[in-house]
Amino acid sequence: MGNSFLKSIQTSRLEDSGFHYTLSLISGKYKLVVLYTLATFDVVRFNEMQRFIGSISYKTLSSTLKELEEDKLIIRTEYPQVPPKVEYSLSPRGKSLIPVMHALCQWGEDNRL
């Protein structure tokens, strides 16, 4: 590796990369798990998701869903009824992550020890 590599890394910043942006959207203990759940089951209610994931608290799931909604990766649909009914699904932007998640799953299957 010559000086051209050193110059390019010296003038580059990870935070300006697409990799960093993607990680900022999906980083966190449960974000990919929630996205995977929605990719698998299409439309999921809060309690169903909490039961499926198992190890997630109400507060953590709630804040994770809010962050994913703010980042426009999921859609929250609220139905005006008693008791209130709320469903979550992937947005078109969230659905564009499905091939990435499939690649991660395939890598896991291929490299499981």
Protein backbone atom coordinates (compact mmCIF):
# COMPACT_ATOMS: atom_id res chain seq x y z
CA MET A 1 0.00 0.00 0.00
CA GLY A 2 1.57 3.19 -1.16
CA ASN A 3 1.21 6.85 -0.34
CA SER A 4 -1.93 7.19 -2.46
CA PHE A 5 -3.78 4.93 0.00
CA LEU A 6 -2.56 6.97 2.97
CA LYS A 7 -3.61 10.23 1.34
CA SER A 8 -7.07 8.90 0.56
CA ILE A 9 -7.67 7.61 4.08
CA GLN A 10 -6.31 10.83 5.57
CA THR A 11 -8.82 12.91 3.65
CA SER A 12 -11.75 10.51 4.09
CA ARG A 13 -14.20 10.29 6.95
CA LEU A 14 -16.24 7.23 7.81
CA GLU A 15 -19.19 9.40 8.86
CA ASP A 16 -19.49 10.64 5.26
CA SER A 17 -19.97 7.12 3.90
CA GLY A 18 -23.11 5.21 2.99
CA PHE A 19 -21.92 2.47 5.34
CA HIS A 20 -22.03 4.84 8.31
CA TYR A 21 -25.45 6.17 7.32
CA THR A 22 -26.88 2.66 7.01
CA LEU A 23 -25.46 1.67 10.38
CA SER A 24 -26.95 4.78 11.96
CA LEU A 25 -30.39 3.59 10.85
CA ILE A 26 -30.12 -0.06 11.87
CA SER A 27 -27.67 0.01 14.78
CA GLY A 28 -28.99 -0.96 18.16
CA LYS A 29 -29.67 -4.26 19.79
CA TYR A 30 -33.18 -4.78 18.40
CA LYS A 31 -33.61 -2.71 15.22
CA LEU A 32 -32.60 -5.48 12.84
CA VAL A 33 -34.66 -7.96 14.87
CA VAL A 34 -37.76 -5.76 14.50
CA LEU A 35 -37.10 -5.26 10.78
CA TYR A 36 -36.59 -9.01 10.34
CA THR A 37 -39.86 -9.70 12.19
CA LEU A 38 -41.78 -7.33 9.92
CA ALA A 39 -40.09 -8.72 6.81
CA THR A 40 -41.13 -12.21 7.87
CA PHE A 41 -44.71 -11.55 9.03
CA ASP A 42 -45.66 -8.41 7.01
CA VAL A 43 -48.03 -6.78 9.54
CA VAL A 44 -47.48 -7.22 13.27
CA ARG A 45 -49.16 -5.82 16.36
CA PHE A 46 -47.06 -4.58 19.29
CA ASN A 47 -47.84 -7.46 21.67
CA GLU A 48 -47.29 -10.05 18.94
CA MET A 49 -43.87 -8.60 18.23
CA GLN A 50 -42.97 -8.51 21.91
CA ARG A 51 -43.96 -12.19 22.28
CA PHE A 52 -42.07 -13.19 19.13
CA ILE A 53 -38.84 -11.42 20.15
CA GLY A 54 -39.19 -12.57 23.76
CA SER A 55 -36.28 -10.83 25.46
CA ILE A 56 -37.32 -7.23 24.79
CA SER A 57 -38.97 -4.95 27.34
CA TYR A 58 -42.04 -2.84 26.60
CA LYS A 59 -40.02 0.38 26.85
CA THR A 60 -37.21 -0.86 24.59
CA LEU A 61 -39.60 -2.13 21.93
CA SER A 62 -41.59 1.08 22.06
CA SER A 63 -38.51 3.31 21.62
CA THR A 64 -37.10 1.04 18.90
CA LEU A 65 -40.36 1.23 16.94
CA LYS A 66 -40.48 5.02 17.33
CA GLU A 67 -36.92 5.38 16.02
CA LEU A 68 -37.61 3.13 13.05
CA GLU A 69 -40.77 5.10 12.29
CA GLU A 70 -38.89 8.42 12.51
CA ASP A 71 -36.31 7.02 10.07
CA LYS A 72 -39.19 6.06 7.75
CA LEU A 73 -38.29 2.37 7.79
CA ILE A 74 -41.62 1.23 9.23
CA ILE A 75 -45.22 2.38 9.08
CA ARG A 76 -47.36 2.62 12.21
CA THR A 77 -51.09 2.28 11.54
CA GLU A 78 -53.45 3.16 14.38
CA TYR A 79 -57.09 2.14 14.28
CA PRO A 80 -59.56 4.29 16.26
CA GLN A 81 -61.30 1.66 18.31
CA VAL A 82 -61.56 0.50 21.92
CA PRO A 83 -59.21 -1.00 22.89
CA PRO A 84 -56.78 0.79 20.56
CA LYS A 85 -55.29 -1.30 17.80
CA VAL A 86 -51.87 -0.46 16.33
CA GLU A 87 -50.11 -2.39 13.59
CA TYR A 88 -46.60 -2.07 12.22
CA SER A 89 -45.32 -2.90 8.76
CA LEU A 90 -42.29 -2.14 6.62
CA SER A 91 -42.37 1.02 4.56
CA PRO A 92 -41.10 0.88 0.96
CA ARG A 93 -37.81 2.22 2.31
CA GLY A 94 -37.74 -0.54 4.93
CA LYS A 95 -38.59 -3.16 2.31
CA SER A 96 -35.50 -2.07 0.36
CA LEU A 97 -33.44 -3.50 3.27
CA ILE A 98 -34.89 -7.01 2.81
CA PRO A 99 -32.15 -8.12 0.34
CA VAL A 100 -29.52 -6.93 2.82
CA MET A 101 -31.18 -8.90 5.63
CA HIS A 102 -31.45 -11.99 3.40
CA ALA A 103 -27.72 -11.69 2.65
CA LEU A 104 -26.97 -11.50 6.40
CA CYS A 105 -29.17 -14.54 7.05
CA GLN A 106 -27.49 -16.50 4.26
CA TRP A 107 -24.05 -15.57 5.56
CA GLY A 108 -25.11 -16.81 9.00
CA GLU A 109 -26.35 -20.12 7.59
CA ASP A 110 -23.18 -20.59 5.54
CA ASN A 111 -20.82 -19.72 8.40
CA ARG A 112 -22.58 -21.13 11.44
CA LEU A 113 -20.09 -22.99 13.65
